[in-house]
PDB file of N, CA and C in Angstrom:
ATOM      1  N   MET A   1      82.491 119.263  94.472  1.00  0.00           N
ATOM      2  CA  MET A   1      83.613 119.348  95.395  1.00  0.00           C
ATOM      3  C   MET A   1      84.386 118.043  95.334  1.00  0.00           C
ATOM      4  N   GLU A   2      85.668 118.145  95.316  1.00  0.00           N
ATOM      5  CA  GLU A   2      86.537 116.978  95.234  1.00  0.00           C
ATOM      6  C   GLU A   2      87.169 116.717  96.598  1.00  0.00           C
ATOM      7  N   TYR A   3      87.429 115.451  96.889  1.00  0.00           N
ATOM      8  CA  TYR A   3      88.111 115.074  98.126  1.00  0.00           C
ATOM      9  C   TYR A   3      89.433 114.420  97.783  1.00  0.00           C
ATOM     10  N   GLN A   4      90.480 114.852  98.479  1.00  0.00           N
ATOM     11  CA  GLN A   4      91.803 114.252  98.352  1.00  0.00           C
ATOM     12  C   GLN A   4      92.212 113.780  99.743  1.00  0.00           C
ATOM     13  N   ILE A   5      92.905 112.658  99.802  1.00  0.00           N
ATOM     14  CA  ILE A   5      93.365 112.124 101.082  1.00  0.00           C
ATOM     15  C   ILE A   5      94.876 111.953 101.017  1.00  0.00           C
ATOM     16  N   ALA A   6      95.559 112.536 102.000  1.00  0.00           N
ATOM     17  CA  ALA A   6      97.013 112.401 102.114  1.00  0.00           C
ATOM     18  C   ALA A   6      97.318 111.643 103.401  1.00  0.00           C
ATOM     19  N   LEU A   7      98.083 110.557 103.278  1.00  0.00           N
ATOM     20  CA  LEU A   7      98.483 109.767 104.437  1.00  0.00           C
ATOM     21  C   LEU A   7      99.929 110.088 104.763  1.00  0.00           C
ATOM     22  N   SER A   8     100.220 110.320 106.025  1.00  0.00           N
ATOM     23  CA  SER A   8     101.594 110.639 106.388  1.00  0.00           C
ATOM     24  C   SER A   8     102.495 109.452 106.050  1.00  0.00           C
ATOM     25  N   PRO A   9     103.781 109.721 105.762  1.00  0.00           N
ATOM     26  CA  PRO A   9     104.697 108.654 105.334  1.00  0.00           C
ATOM     27  C   PRO A   9     104.856 107.527 106.348  1.00  0.00           C
ATOM     28  N   ALA A  10     104.746 107.824 107.633  1.00  0.00           N
ATOM     29  CA  ALA A  10     104.920 106.798 108.659  1.00  0.00           C
ATOM     30  C   ALA A  10     103.625 106.039 108.953  1.00  0.00           C
ATOM     31  N   PHE A  11     102.532 106.438 108.321  1.00  0.00           N
ATOM     32  CA  PHE A  11     101.250 105.781 108.566  1.00  0.00           C
ATOM     33  C   PHE A  11     101.332 104.335 108.095  1.00  0.00           C
ATOM     34  N   PRO A  12     100.776 103.373 108.836  1.00  0.00           N
ATOM     35  CA  PRO A  12     100.958 101.962 108.505  1.00  0.00           C
ATOM     36  C   PRO A  12     100.149 101.461 107.302  1.00  0.00           C
ATOM     37  N   ILE A  13      99.352 102.303 106.703  1.00  0.00           N
ATOM     38  CA  ILE A  13      98.568 101.946 105.525  1.00  0.00           C
ATOM     39  C   ILE A  13      99.037 102.824 104.363  1.00  0.00           C
ATOM     40  N   THR A  14      99.277 102.234 103.197  1.00  0.00           N
ATOM     41  CA  THR A  14      99.689 103.017 102.037  1.00  0.00           C
ATOM     42  C   THR A  14      98.451 103.506 101.281  1.00  0.00           C
ATOM     43  N   ALA A  15      98.669 104.462 100.401  1.00  0.00           N
ATOM     44  CA  ALA A  15      97.577 104.989  99.588  1.00  0.00           C
ATOM     45  C   ALA A  15      96.950 103.875  98.740  1.00  0.00           C
ATOM     46  N   ALA A  16      97.770 103.014  98.168  1.00  0.00           N
ATOM     47  CA  ALA A  16      97.255 101.913  97.336  1.00  0.00           C
ATOM     48  C   ALA A  16      96.429 100.931  98.166  1.00  0.00           C
ATOM     49  N   GLU A  17      96.899 100.602  99.370  1.00  0.00           N
ATOM     50  CA  GLU A  17      96.137  99.704 100.250  1.00  0.00           C
ATOM     51  C   GLU A  17      94.782 100.317 100.584  1.00  0.00           C
ATOM     52  N   PHE A  18      94.794 101.612 100.896  1.00  0.00           N
ATOM     53  CA  PHE A  18      93.551 102.309 101.224  1.00  0.00           C
ATOM     54  C   PHE A  18      92.586 102.256 100.044  1.00  0.00           C
ATOM     55  N   ALA A  19      93.064 102.664  98.853  1.00  0.00           N
ATOM     56  CA  ALA A  19      92.204 102.730  97.671  1.00  0.00           C
ATOM     57  C   ALA A  19      91.662 101.352  97.295  1.00  0.00           C
ATOM     58  N   ASP A  20      92.507 100.327  97.311  1.00  0.00           N
ATOM     59  CA  ASP A  20      92.063  98.974  96.964  1.00  0.00           C
ATOM     60  C   ASP A  20      90.970  98.492  97.919  1.00  0.00           C
ATOM     61  N   ALA A  21      91.192  98.665  99.207  1.00  0.00           N
ATOM     62  CA  ALA A  21      90.209  98.220 100.200  1.00  0.00           C
ATOM     63  C   ALA A  21      88.932  99.049 100.104  1.00  0.00           C
ATOM     64  N   TRP A  22      89.063 100.343  99.865  1.00  0.00           N
ATOM     65  CA  TRP A  22      87.894 101.227  99.715  1.00  0.00           C
ATOM     66  C   TRP A  22      87.025 100.743  98.551  1.00  0.00           C
ATOM     67  N   ASN A  23      87.656 100.491  97.416  1.00  0.00           N
ATOM     68  CA  ASN A  23      86.917 100.101  96.216  1.00  0.00           C
ATOM     69  C   ASN A  23      86.324  98.698  96.312  1.00  0.00           C
ATOM     70  N   GLU A  24      86.868  97.855  97.177  1.00  0.00           N
ATOM     71  CA  GLU A  24      86.329  96.510  97.394  1.00  0.00           C
ATOM     72  C   GLU A  24      85.072  96.535  98.257  1.00  0.00           C
ATOM     73  N   GLU A  25      84.940  97.554  99.101  1.00  0.00           N
ATOM     74  CA  GLU A  25      83.818  97.634 100.033  1.00  0.00           C
ATOM     75  C   GLU A  25      82.635  98.348  99.366  1.00  0.00           C
ATOM     76  N   GLU A  26      81.524  97.662  99.270  1.00  0.00           N
ATOM     77  CA  GLU A  26      80.357  98.185  98.546  1.00  0.00           C
ATOM     78  C   GLU A  26      79.878  99.531  99.080  1.00  0.00           C
ATOM     79  N   GLN A  27      79.808  99.673 100.411  1.00  0.00           N
ATOM     80  CA  GLN A  27      79.330 100.927 101.011  1.00  0.00           C
ATOM     81  C   GLN A  27      80.239 102.094 100.623  1.00  0.00           C
ATOM     82  N   CYS A  28      81.531 101.881 100.654  1.00  0.00           N
ATOM     83  CA  CYS A  28      82.480 102.949 100.302  1.00  0.00           C
ATOM     84  C   CYS A  28      82.422 103.256  98.807  1.00  0.00           C
ATOM     85  N   ARG A  29      82.395 102.213  98.002  1.00  0.00           N
ATOM     86  CA  ARG A  29      82.360 102.392  96.547  1.00  0.00           C
ATOM     87  C   ARG A  29      81.098 103.128  96.106  1.00  0.00           C
ATOM     88  N   ALA A  30      79.988 102.952  96.841  1.00  0.00           N
ATOM     89  CA  ALA A  30      78.749 103.660  96.520  1.00  0.00           C
ATOM     90  C   ALA A  30      78.895 105.164  96.742  1.00  0.00           C
ATOM     91  N   VAL A  31      79.776 105.538  97.648  1.00  0.00           N
ATOM     92  CA  VAL A  31      80.018 106.952  97.939  1.00  0.00           C
ATOM     93  C   VAL A  31      80.979 107.558  96.934  1.00  0.00           C
ATOM     94  N   ALA A  32      82.036 106.828  96.614  1.00  0.00           N
ATOM     95  CA  ALA A  32      83.051 107.365  95.696  1.00  0.00           C
ATOM     96  C   ALA A  32      83.977 106.255  95.238  1.00  0.00           C
ATOM     97  N   GLN A  33      84.554 106.451  94.081  1.00  0.00           N
ATOM     98  CA  GLN A  33      85.618 105.574  93.579  1.00  0.00           C
ATOM     99  C   GLN A  33      86.938 106.179  94.034  1.00  0.00           C
ATOM    100  N   ALA A  34      87.812 105.377  94.601  1.00  0.00           N
ATOM    101  CA  ALA A  34      89.111 105.866  95.063  1.00  0.00           C
ATOM    102  C   ALA A  34      90.170 105.566  94.011  1.00  0.00           C
ATOM    103  N   THR A  35      90.968 106.568  93.694  1.00  0.00           N
ATOM    104  CA  THR A  35      92.105 106.393  92.797  1.00  0.00           C
ATOM    105  C   THR A  35      93.330 107.000  93.454  1.00  0.00           C
ATOM    106  N   VAL A  36      94.500 106.538  93.040  1.00  0.00           N
ATOM    107  CA  VAL A  36      95.749 107.030  93.626  1.00  0.00           C
ATOM    108  C   VAL A  36      96.554 107.738  92.551  1.00  0.00           C
ATOM    109  N   SER A  37      97.061 108.904  92.904  1.00  0.00           N
ATOM    110  CA  SER A  37      97.952 109.654  92.027  1.00  0.00           C
ATOM    111  C   SER A  37      99.329 109.667  92.678  1.00  0.00           C
ATOM    112  N   PRO A  38     100.381 109.342  91.941  1.00  0.00           N
ATOM    113  CA  PRO A  38     101.717 109.302  92.541  1.00  0.00           C
ATOM    114  C   PRO A  38     102.328 110.677  92.803  1.00  0.00           C
ATOM    115  N   ALA A  39     101.727 111.734  92.277  1.00  0.00           N
ATOM    116  CA  ALA A  39     102.324 113.065  92.427  1.00  0.00           C
ATOM    117  C   ALA A  39     101.300 114.055  92.963  1.00  0.00           C
ATOM    118  N   ALA A  40     101.793 115.081  93.610  1.00  0.00           N
ATOM    119  CA  ALA A  40     100.927 116.123  94.151  1.00  0.00           C
ATOM    120  C   ALA A  40     100.495 117.079  93.046  1.00  0.00           C
ATOM    121  N   PRO A  41      99.267 117.564  93.126  1.00  0.00           N
ATOM    122  CA  PRO A  41      98.831 118.569  92.165  1.00  0.00           C
ATOM    123  C   PRO A  41      99.530 119.905  92.415  1.00  0.00           C
ATOM    124  N   GLN A  42      99.484 120.789  91.441  1.00  0.00           N
ATOM    125  CA  GLN A  42     100.061 122.129  91.617  1.00  0.00           C
ATOM    126  C   GLN A  42      99.475 122.774  92.858  1.00  0.00           C
ATOM    127  N   GLY A  43     100.292 123.455  93.597  1.00  0.00           N
ATOM    128  CA  GLY A  43      99.825 124.177  94.778  1.00  0.00           C
ATOM    129  C   GLY A  43      99.480 123.297  95.956  1.00  0.00           C
ATOM    130  N   PHE A  44      99.991 122.058  96.000  1.00  0.00           N
ATOM    131  CA  PHE A  44      99.718 121.183  97.140  1.00  0.00           C
ATOM    132  C   PHE A  44     100.182 121.895  98.399  1.00  0.00           C
ATOM    133  N   PRO A  45      99.281 122.085  99.382  1.00  0.00           N
ATOM    134  CA  PRO A  45      99.587 122.956 100.524  1.00  0.00           C
ATOM    135  C   PRO A  45     100.463 122.354 101.612  1.00  0.00           C
ATOM    136  N   LEU A  46     100.802 121.087 101.514  1.00  0.00           N
ATOM    137  CA  LEU A  46     101.562 120.440 102.585  1.00  0.00           C
ATOM    138  C   LEU A  46     102.909 119.956 102.089  1.00  0.00           C
ATOM    139  N   ASP A  47     103.713 119.516 103.007  1.00  0.00           N
ATOM    140  CA  ASP A  47     105.015 118.927 102.703  1.00  0.00           C
ATOM    141  C   ASP A  47     104.837 117.768 101.721  1.00  0.00           C
ATOM    142  N   PRO A  48     105.557 117.742 100.617  1.00  0.00           N
ATOM    143  CA  PRO A  48     105.424 116.649  99.645  1.00  0.00           C
ATOM    144  C   PRO A  48     105.631 115.259 100.246  1.00  0.00           C
ATOM    145  N   GLU A  49     106.356 115.165 101.364  1.00  0.00           N
ATOM    146  CA  GLU A  49     106.541 113.874 102.034  1.00  0.00           C
ATOM    147  C   GLU A  49     105.201 113.272 102.467  1.00  0.00           C
ATOM    148  N   MET A  50     104.188 114.129 102.663  1.00  0.00           N
ATOM    149  CA  MET A  50     102.873 113.659 103.090  1.00  0.00           C
ATOM    150  C   MET A  50     102.256 112.709 102.074  1.00  0.00           C
ATOM    151  N   ILE A  51     102.686 112.794 100.831  1.00  0.00           N
ATOM    152  CA  ILE A  51     102.086 111.938  99.817  1.00  0.00           C
ATOM    153  C   ILE A  51     103.097 110.959  99.237  1.00  0.00           C
ATOM    154  N   LYS A  52     104.029 110.553 100.064  1.00  0.00           N
ATOM    155  CA  LYS A  52     105.073 109.628  99.618  1.00  0.00           C
ATOM    156  C   LYS A  52     104.479 108.379  98.970  1.00  0.00           C
ATOM    157  N   SER A  53     103.393 107.862  99.521  1.00  0.00           N
ATOM    158  CA  SER A  53     102.779 106.656  98.950  1.00  0.00           C
ATOM    159  C   SER A  53     101.698 106.996  97.926  1.00  0.00           C
ATOM    160  N   GLY A  54     101.474 108.272  97.676  1.00  0.00           N
ATOM    161  CA  GLY A  54     100.477 108.706  96.697  1.00  0.00           C
ATOM    162  C   GLY A  54      99.372 109.517  97.343  1.00  0.00           C
ATOM    163  N   LEU A  55      98.670 110.232  96.526  1.00  0.00           N
ATOM    164  CA  LEU A  55      97.538 111.034  96.968  1.00  0.00           C
ATOM    165  C   LEU A  55      96.271 110.324  96.506  1.00  0.00           C
ATOM    166  N   ILE A  56      95.324 110.145  97.400  1.00  0.00           N
ATOM    167  CA  ILE A  56      94.092 109.423  97.091  1.00  0.00           C
ATOM    168  C   ILE A  56      93.016 110.428  96.707  1.00  0.00           C
ATOM    169  N   PHE A  57      92.343 110.169  95.600  1.00  0.00           N
ATOM    170  CA  PHE A  57      91.240 111.009  95.155  1.00  0.00           C
ATOM    171  C   PHE A  57      89.950 110.224  95.287  1.00  0.00           C
ATOM    172  N   LEU A  58      88.920 110.868  95.850  1.00  0.00           N
ATOM    173  CA  LEU A  58      87.598 110.268  95.928  1.00  0.00           C
ATOM    174  C   LEU A  58      86.712 111.025  94.948  1.00  0.00           C
ATOM    175  N   ALA A  59      86.225 110.329  93.945  1.00  0.00           N
ATOM    176  CA  ALA A  59      85.368 110.943  92.943  1.00  0.00           C
ATOM    177  C   ALA A  59      84.045 110.202  92.891  1.00  0.00           C
ATOM    178  N   GLY A  60      82.956 110.957  92.853  1.00  0.00           N
ATOM    179  CA  GLY A  60      81.630 110.359  92.786  1.00  0.00           C
ATOM    180  C   GLY A  60      80.675 111.104  93.672  1.00  0.00           C
ATOM    181  N   ALA A  61      79.768 110.387  94.289  1.00  0.00           N
ATOM    182  CA  ALA A  61      78.735 110.996  95.133  1.00  0.00           C
ATOM    183  C   ALA A  61      79.322 111.737  96.326  1.00  0.00           C
ATOM    184  N   ALA A  62      80.549 111.414  96.697  1.00  0.00           N
ATOM    185  CA  ALA A  62      81.176 112.083  97.845  1.00  0.00           C
ATOM    186  C   ALA A  62      81.182 113.594  97.650  1.00  0.00           C
ATOM    187  N   GLY A  63      81.252 114.045  96.403  1.00  0.00           N
ATOM    188  CA  GLY A  63      81.286 115.478  96.123  1.00  0.00           C
ATOM    189  C   GLY A  63      80.046 116.212  96.567  1.00  0.00           C
ATOM    190  N   THR A  64      78.937 115.494  96.759  1.00  0.00           N
ATOM    191  CA  THR A  64      77.695 116.132  97.192  1.00  0.00           C
ATOM    192  C   THR A  64      77.414 115.889  98.670  1.00  0.00           C
ATOM    193  N   MET A  65      78.283 115.160  99.334  1.00  0.00           N
ATOM    194  CA  MET A  65      78.074 114.827 100.743  1.00  0.00           C
ATOM    195  C   MET A  65      78.748 115.843 101.655  1.00  0.00           C
ATOM    196  N   ALA A  66      78.216 115.949 102.863  1.00  0.00           N
ATOM    197  CA  ALA A  66      78.809 116.839 103.856  1.00  0.00           C
ATOM    198  C   ALA A  66      80.216 116.359 104.204  1.00  0.00           C
ATOM    199  N   LEU A  67      81.104 117.313 104.417  1.00  0.00           N
ATOM    200  CA  LEU A  67      82.497 117.011 104.727  1.00  0.00           C
ATOM    201  C   LEU A  67      82.624 116.101 105.946  1.00  0.00           C
ATOM    202  N   ASP A  68      81.849 116.354 106.983  1.00  0.00           N
ATOM    203  CA  ASP A  68      81.928 115.538 108.195  1.00  0.00           C
ATOM    204  C   ASP A  68      81.540 114.084 107.936  1.00  0.00           C
ATOM    205  N   VAL A  69      80.601 113.864 107.017  1.00  0.00           N
ATOM    206  CA  VAL A  69      80.180 112.497 106.689  1.00  0.00           C
ATOM    207  C   VAL A  69      81.312 111.765 105.980  1.00  0.00           C
ATOM    208  N   VAL A  70      81.936 112.418 105.011  1.00  0.00           N
ATOM    209  CA  VAL A  70      83.050 111.798 104.284  1.00  0.00           C
ATOM    210  C   VAL A  70      84.222 111.564 105.232  1.00  0.00           C
ATOM    211  N   LYS A  71      84.527 112.547 106.080  1.00  0.00           N
ATOM    212  CA  LYS A  71      85.626 112.408 107.047  1.00  0.00           C
ATOM    213  C   LYS A  71      85.379 111.211 107.961  1.00  0.00           C
ATOM    214  N   SER A  72      84.153 111.060 108.431  1.00  0.00           N
ATOM    215  CA  SER A  72      83.806 109.950 109.318  1.00  0.00           C
ATOM    216  C   SER A  72      83.930 108.609 108.589  1.00  0.00           C
ATOM    217  N   LEU A  73      83.495 108.563 107.351  1.00  0.00           N
ATOM    218  CA  LEU A  73      83.606 107.337 106.563  1.00  0.00           C
ATOM    219  C   LEU A  73      85.063 106.956 106.332  1.00  0.00           C
ATOM    220  N   VAL A  74      85.900 107.943 106.028  1.00  0.00           N
ATOM    221  CA  VAL A  74      87.337 107.695 105.828  1.00  0.00           C
ATOM    222  C   VAL A  74      87.962 107.179 107.126  1.00  0.00           C
ATOM    223  N   LYS A  75      87.631 107.828 108.239  1.00  0.00           N
ATOM    224  CA  LYS A  75      88.201 107.427 109.527  1.00  0.00           C
ATOM    225  C   LYS A  75      87.780 105.998 109.896  1.00  0.00           C
ATOM    226  N   ASP A  76      86.514 105.673 109.703  1.00  0.00           N
ATOM    227  CA  ASP A  76      86.030 104.323 110.014  1.00  0.00           C
ATOM    228  C   ASP A  76      86.710 103.275 109.124  1.00  0.00           C
ATOM    229  N   HIS A  77      86.872 103.621 107.859  1.00  0.00           N
ATOM    230  CA  HIS A  77      87.524 102.703 106.919  1.00  0.00           C
ATOM    231  C   HIS A  77      88.980 102.458 107.338  1.00  0.00           C
ATOM    232  N   LEU A  78      89.678 103.514 107.723  1.00  0.00           N
ATOM    233  CA  LEU A  78      91.071 103.374 108.160  1.00  0.00           C
ATOM    234  C   LEU A  78      91.177 102.544 109.431  1.00  0.00           C
ATOM    235  N   LYS A  79      90.255 102.740 110.367  1.00  0.00           N
ATOM    236  CA  LYS A  79      90.266 101.950 111.603  1.00  0.00           C
ATOM    237  C   LYS A  79      90.168 100.458 111.284  1.00  0.00           C
ATOM    238  N   LYS A  80      89.263 100.100 110.375  1.00  0.00           N
ATOM    239  CA  LYS A  80      89.110  98.690 110.000  1.00  0.00           C
ATOM    240  C   LYS A  80      90.383  98.140 109.365  1.00  0.00           C
ATOM    241  N   LEU A  81      90.976  98.925 108.459  1.00  0.00           N
ATOM    242  CA  LEU A  81      92.199  98.478 107.798  1.00  0.00           C
ATOM    243  C   LEU A  81      93.341  98.279 108.790  1.00  0.00           C
ATOM    244  N   ILE A  82      93.509  99.233 109.698  1.00  0.00           N
ATOM    245  CA  ILE A  82      94.597  99.150 110.683  1.00  0.00           C
ATOM    246  C   ILE A  82      94.379  97.969 111.617  1.00  0.00           C
ATOM    247  N   GLU A  83      93.147  97.803 112.114  1.00  0.00           N
ATOM    248  CA  GLU A  83      92.868  96.692 113.021  1.00  0.00           C
ATOM    249  C   GLU A  83      93.121  95.355 112.333  1.00  0.00           C
ATOM    250  N   LYS A  84      92.725  95.246 111.077  1.00  0.00           N
ATOM    251  CA  LYS A  84      92.954  94.009 110.316  1.00  0.00           C
ATOM    252  C   LYS A  84      94.450  93.755 110.147  1.00  0.00           C
ATOM    253  N   LYS A  85      95.194  94.794 109.815  1.00  0.00           N
ATOM    254  CA  LYS A  85      96.635  94.663 109.586  1.00  0.00           C
ATOM    255  C   LYS A  85      97.380  94.309 110.878  1.00  0.00           C
ATOM    256  N   PHE A  86      96.993  94.924 111.992  1.00  0.00           N
ATOM    257  CA  PHE A  86      97.709  94.717 113.251  1.00  0.00           C
ATOM    258  C   PHE A  86      97.189  93.520 114.039  1.00  0.00           C
ATOM    259  N   LYS A  87      96.059  92.956 113.635  1.00  0.00           N
ATOM    260  CA  LYS A  87      95.529  91.775 114.312  1.00  0.00           C
ATOM    261  C   LYS A  87      96.493  90.603 114.170  1.00  0.00           C
ATOM    262  N   GLN A  88      97.215  90.587 113.062  1.00  0.00           N
ATOM    263  CA  GLN A  88      98.126  89.489 112.770  1.00  0.00           C
ATOM    264  C   GLN A  88      99.463  89.633 113.491  1.00  0.00           C
ATOM    265  N   THR A  89      99.684  90.754 114.151  1.00  0.00           N
ATOM    266  CA  THR A  89     100.939  90.968 114.869  1.00  0.00           C
ATOM    267  C   THR A  89     100.659  91.253 116.337  1.00  0.00           C
ATOM    268  N   ALA A  90     101.683  91.270 117.118  1.00  0.00           N
ATOM    269  CA  ALA A  90     101.529  91.582 118.536  1.00  0.00           C
ATOM    270  C   ALA A  90     101.687  93.082 118.797  1.00  0.00           C
ATOM    271  N   LYS A  91     101.877  93.856 117.735  1.00  0.00           N
ATOM    272  CA  LYS A  91     102.079  95.297 117.890  1.00  0.00           C
ATOM    273  C   LYS A  91     100.775  95.990 118.282  1.00  0.00           C
ATOM    274  N   PRO A  92     100.874  97.038 119.090  1.00  0.00           N
ATOM    275  CA  PRO A  92      99.665  97.796 119.427  1.00  0.00           C
ATOM    276  C   PRO A  92      99.177  98.587 118.211  1.00  0.00           C
ATOM    277  N   VAL A  93      97.876  98.755 118.105  1.00  0.00           N
ATOM    278  CA  VAL A  93      97.283  99.503 117.003  1.00  0.00           C
ATOM    279  C   VAL A  93      97.581 100.988 117.217  1.00  0.00           C
ATOM    280  N   PRO A  94      98.178 101.647 116.228  1.00  0.00           N
ATOM    281  CA  PRO A  94      98.513 103.062 116.397  1.00  0.00           C
ATOM    282  C   PRO A  94      97.277 103.959 116.373  1.00  0.00           C
ATOM    283  N   GLU A  95      97.344 105.014 117.148  1.00  0.00           N
ATOM    284  CA  GLU A  95      96.280 106.022 117.148  1.00  0.00           C
ATOM    285  C   GLU A  95      96.569 107.004 116.022  1.00  0.00           C
ATOM    286  N   PHE A  96      95.519 107.533 115.419  1.00  0.00           N
ATOM    287  CA  PHE A  96      95.710 108.500 114.346  1.00  0.00           C
ATOM    288  C   PHE A  96      94.634 109.568 114.408  1.00  0.00           C
ATOM    289  N   GLU A  97      94.883 110.656 113.706  1.00  0.00           N
ATOM    290  CA  GLU A  97      93.902 111.728 113.626  1.00  0.00           C
ATOM    291  C   GLU A  97      93.660 112.089 112.174  1.00  0.00           C
ATOM    292  N   VAL A  98      92.464 112.591 111.912  1.00  0.00           N
ATOM    293  CA  VAL A  98      92.070 113.009 110.581  1.00  0.00           C
ATOM    294  C   VAL A  98      91.785 114.501 110.646  1.00  0.00           C
ATOM    295  N   VAL A  99      92.507 115.266 109.827  1.00  0.00           N
ATOM    296  CA  VAL A  99      92.413 116.722 109.838  1.00  0.00           C
ATOM    297  C   VAL A  99      91.976 117.193 108.454  1.00  0.00           C
ATOM    298  N   ILE A 100      91.123 118.196 108.403  1.00  0.00           N
ATOM    299  CA  ILE A 100      90.648 118.750 107.137  1.00  0.00           C
ATOM    300  C   ILE A 100      91.403 120.037 106.835  1.00  0.00           C
ATOM    301  N   VAL A 101      91.913 120.151 105.605  1.00  0.00           N
ATOM    302  CA  VAL A 101      92.542 121.377 105.119  1.00  0.00           C
ATOM    303  C   VAL A 101      91.686 121.845 103.939  1.00  0.00           C
ATOM    304  N   ASP A 102      90.921 122.916 104.136  1.00  0.00           N
ATOM    305  CA  ASP A 102      90.047 123.407 103.072  1.00  0.00           C
ATOM    306  C   ASP A 102      90.830 124.149 102.007  1.00  0.00           C
ATOM    307  N   GLN A 103      90.494 123.840 100.774  1.00  0.00           N
ATOM    308  CA  GLN A 103      91.059 124.488  99.598  1.00  0.00           C
ATOM    309  C   GLN A 103      89.884 125.074  98.809  1.00  0.00           C
ATOM    310  N   PRO A 104      90.124 125.997  97.873  1.00  0.00           N
ATOM    311  CA  PRO A 104      89.016 126.594  97.118  1.00  0.00           C
ATOM    312  C   PRO A 104      88.131 125.573  96.388  1.00  0.00           C
ATOM    313  N   ASP A 105      88.709 124.601  95.701  1.00  0.00           N
ATOM    314  CA  ASP A 105      87.916 123.653  94.918  1.00  0.00           C
ATOM    315  C   ASP A 105      87.975 122.224  95.422  1.00  0.00           C
ATOM    316  N   THR A 106      88.588 122.027  96.564  1.00  0.00           N
ATOM    317  CA  THR A 106      88.742 120.666  97.073  1.00  0.00           C
ATOM    318  C   THR A 106      88.854 120.680  98.593  1.00  0.00           C
ATOM    319  N   HIS A 107      88.607 119.542  99.174  1.00  0.00           N
ATOM    320  CA  HIS A 107      88.865 119.331 100.604  1.00  0.00           C
ATOM    321  C   HIS A 107      90.009 118.335 100.686  1.00  0.00           C
ATOM    322  N   LEU A 108      91.022 118.663 101.438  1.00  0.00           N
ATOM    323  CA  LEU A 108      92.138 117.768 101.657  1.00  0.00           C
ATOM    324  C   LEU A 108      91.969 117.137 103.027  1.00  0.00           C
ATOM    325  N   ILE A 109      91.923 115.818 103.060  1.00  0.00           N
ATOM    326  CA  ILE A 109      91.798 115.070 104.307  1.00  0.00           C
ATOM    327  C   ILE A 109      93.178 114.512 104.616  1.00  0.00           C
ATOM    328  N   VAL A 110      93.756 114.966 105.714  1.00  0.00           N
ATOM    329  CA  VAL A 110      95.118 114.569 106.094  1.00  0.00           C
ATOM    330  C   VAL A 110      95.022 113.569 107.240  1.00  0.00           C
ATOM    331  N   VAL A 111      95.704 112.444 107.081  1.00  0.00           N
ATOM    332  CA  VAL A 111      95.719 111.404 108.113  1.00  0.00           C
ATOM    333  C   VAL A 111      97.140 111.285 108.626  1.00  0.00           C
ATOM    334  N   ARG A 112      97.302 111.416 109.941  1.00  0.00           N
ATOM    335  CA  ARG A 112      98.623 111.314 110.541  1.00  0.00           C
ATOM    336  C   ARG A 112      98.520 110.683 111.925  1.00  0.00           C
ATOM    337  N   GLU A 113      99.649 110.185 112.398  1.00  0.00           N
ATOM    338  CA  GLU A 113      99.693 109.558 113.705  1.00  0.00           C
ATOM    339  C   GLU A 113      99.466 110.618 114.774  1.00  0.00           C
ATOM    340  N   GLN A 114      98.802 110.209 115.850  1.00  0.00           N
ATOM    341  CA  GLN A 114      98.631 111.127 116.964  1.00  0.00           C
ATOM    342  C   GLN A 114      99.902 111.128 117.796  1.00  0.00           C
ATOM    343  N   ASN A 115     100.282 112.304 118.235  1.00  0.00           N
ATOM    344  CA  ASN A 115     101.486 112.422 119.075  1.00  0.00           C
ATOM    345  C   ASN A 115     101.160 112.186 120.516  1.00  0.00           C
TER     346      ASN A 115
END
């Protein structure tokens, strides 16, 4: 099973920032290697704007892990990145949600701001 992550265009972290930080962290890298694709695959089920900064692919042991475990790891990783980024500013840390869109051969993890 493959995991793809789409970050909404207004999200304060880009796909490249996510992938670079993911691959630098030993715990995350042990689960999967993150790569960024600049274009959506055929049949991408969401608005192409969702992948403005790229689509993140997680390949490796993540394919054998439960979806909830991978979702939780992604969410925790994003929280750390956002807190680190916003610690340097006086801006409040934005709230976000992680939603799963099941596909036949992949799980799409969508990250967007909470309304």
